[in-house]
Protein backbone atom coordinates (compact mmCIF):
# COMPACT_ATOMS: atom_id res chain seq x y z
CA UNK A 1 34.33 24.88 -4.34
CA UNK A 2 33.59 23.68 -7.89
CA UNK A 3 36.82 25.17 -9.16
CA UNK A 4 38.81 23.47 -6.39
CA UNK A 5 37.59 20.00 -7.31
CA UNK A 6 37.63 20.37 -11.10
CA UNK A 7 41.27 19.44 -11.67
CA UNK A 8 41.28 16.43 -9.29
CA UNK A 9 38.10 15.09 -10.92
CA UNK A 10 39.62 15.52 -14.38
CA UNK A 11 42.78 13.69 -13.26
CA UNK A 12 40.68 10.81 -11.87
CA UNK A 13 38.76 10.66 -15.15
CA UNK A 14 41.98 10.46 -17.16
CA UNK A 15 43.19 7.64 -14.89
CA UNK A 16 39.95 5.69 -15.26
CA UNK A 17 40.00 6.06 -19.06
CA UNK A 18 43.65 4.99 -19.15
CA UNK A 19 42.89 1.94 -16.98
CA UNK A 20 39.90 0.96 -19.14
CA UNK A 21 42.11 1.21 -22.21
CA UNK A 22 44.94 -0.90 -20.74
CA UNK A 23 42.45 -3.53 -19.52
CA UNK A 24 41.03 -3.61 -23.08
CA UNK A 25 37.57 -2.77 -21.75
CA UNK A 26 37.31 0.12 -24.22
CA UNK A 27 40.23 -0.31 -26.63
CA UNK A 28 41.05 1.76 -29.69
CA UNK A 29 39.68 5.05 -28.40
CA UNK A 30 41.68 8.25 -28.79
CA UNK A 31 41.35 9.24 -25.14
CA UNK A 32 43.46 12.38 -25.51
CA UNK A 33 40.93 13.88 -27.93
CA UNK A 34 37.82 12.64 -26.13
CA UNK A 35 39.01 13.63 -22.65
CA UNK A 36 40.32 16.93 -24.00
CA UNK A 37 36.83 17.79 -25.23
CA UNK A 38 35.36 16.74 -21.89
CA UNK A 39 37.92 18.77 -19.94
CA UNK A 40 37.24 21.83 -22.09
CA UNK A 41 33.50 21.47 -21.46
CA UNK A 42 33.91 21.08 -17.71
CA UNK A 43 36.39 23.95 -17.47
CA UNK A 44 34.11 26.17 -19.56
CA UNK A 45 31.34 25.70 -17.04
CA UNK A 46 33.43 25.86 -13.86
CA UNK A 47 35.84 28.65 -14.72
CA UNK A 48 33.57 30.62 -17.06
CA UNK A 49 30.65 30.58 -14.66
CA UNK A 50 27.04 30.25 -15.69
CA UNK A 51 26.29 32.50 -18.65
CA UNK A 52 24.28 31.99 -21.80
CA UNK A 53 27.49 31.31 -23.70
CA UNK A 54 28.94 28.79 -21.25
CA UNK A 55 25.58 27.00 -21.00
CA UNK A 56 25.82 26.34 -24.74
CA UNK A 57 29.55 25.76 -25.22
CA UNK A 58 30.19 23.61 -22.13
CA UNK A 59 27.45 21.02 -22.71
CA UNK A 60 28.17 20.97 -26.46
CA UNK A 61 31.80 20.06 -25.76
CA UNK A 62 30.68 17.37 -23.29
CA UNK A 63 28.28 15.88 -25.85
CA UNK A 64 31.03 16.06 -28.47
CA UNK A 65 33.27 14.06 -26.15
CA UNK A 66 30.62 11.37 -25.68
CA UNK A 67 29.90 11.27 -29.42
CA UNK A 68 33.63 10.92 -30.09
CA UNK A 69 33.83 7.80 -27.92
CA UNK A 70 30.61 6.40 -29.41
CA UNK A 71 31.92 6.94 -32.94
CA UNK A 72 35.31 5.39 -32.18
CA UNK A 73 33.66 2.32 -30.64
CA UNK A 74 31.28 1.87 -33.60
CA UNK A 75 28.12 2.87 -31.73
CA UNK A 76 27.57 6.09 -33.71
CA UNK A 77 28.02 6.34 -37.44
CA UNK A 78 30.27 9.14 -38.63
CA UNK A 79 27.71 10.70 -41.05
CA UNK A 80 25.29 11.15 -38.13
CA UNK A 81 27.67 12.82 -35.67
CA UNK A 82 27.84 16.36 -37.08
CA UNK A 83 24.11 16.70 -37.88
CA UNK A 84 23.29 15.55 -34.34
CA UNK A 85 25.76 18.07 -32.90
CA UNK A 86 24.16 20.85 -34.99
CA UNK A 87 20.71 19.88 -33.70
CA UNK A 88 22.00 19.86 -30.12
CA UNK A 89 23.68 23.24 -30.64
CA UNK A 90 20.39 24.73 -31.84
CA UNK A 91 18.47 23.16 -28.96
CA UNK A 92 20.96 24.52 -26.40
CA UNK A 93 20.80 28.00 -27.96
CA UNK A 94 17.00 27.91 -27.89
CA UNK A 95 17.00 26.67 -24.28
CA UNK A 96 19.21 29.51 -23.00
CA UNK A 97 17.07 32.09 -24.81
CA UNK A 98 13.80 30.77 -23.37
CA UNK A 99 14.89 30.16 -19.77
CA UNK A 100 14.78 33.04 -17.31
CA UNK A 101 18.17 34.53 -16.39
CA UNK A 102 19.62 33.08 -13.21
CA UNK A 103 21.77 36.02 -12.13
CA UNK A 104 22.86 39.54 -13.01
CA UNK A 105 25.95 38.31 -14.87
CA UNK A 106 23.81 36.24 -17.16
CA UNK A 107 20.92 38.69 -17.56
CA UNK A 108 22.78 41.09 -19.86
CA UNK A 109 24.62 38.44 -21.88
CA UNK A 110 23.13 38.00 -25.35
CA UNK A 111 24.09 35.88 -28.33
């Protein structure tokens, strides 16, 4: 079911972002880039399934999307973005190594 609703949810998200931009609620944001990162993160998790790799890549792309909007709206300084993403990457990698495997597909997958 997740795969069936992924595309409609992404389309709704694009529409909401577009509306917020035209209403000047959140102006001057490169929505193509930010939503592209978000879409890649969501698709990684829904199409790729739950593996150690997708549990790192998907959330990292989602956080990158949020950071992109925060940076473009002046709420996150550019010099802080990459170091924060590196810290989050390390934390996600540590998390997937320490958590017990959820299924057979994930159990054999190593970094």
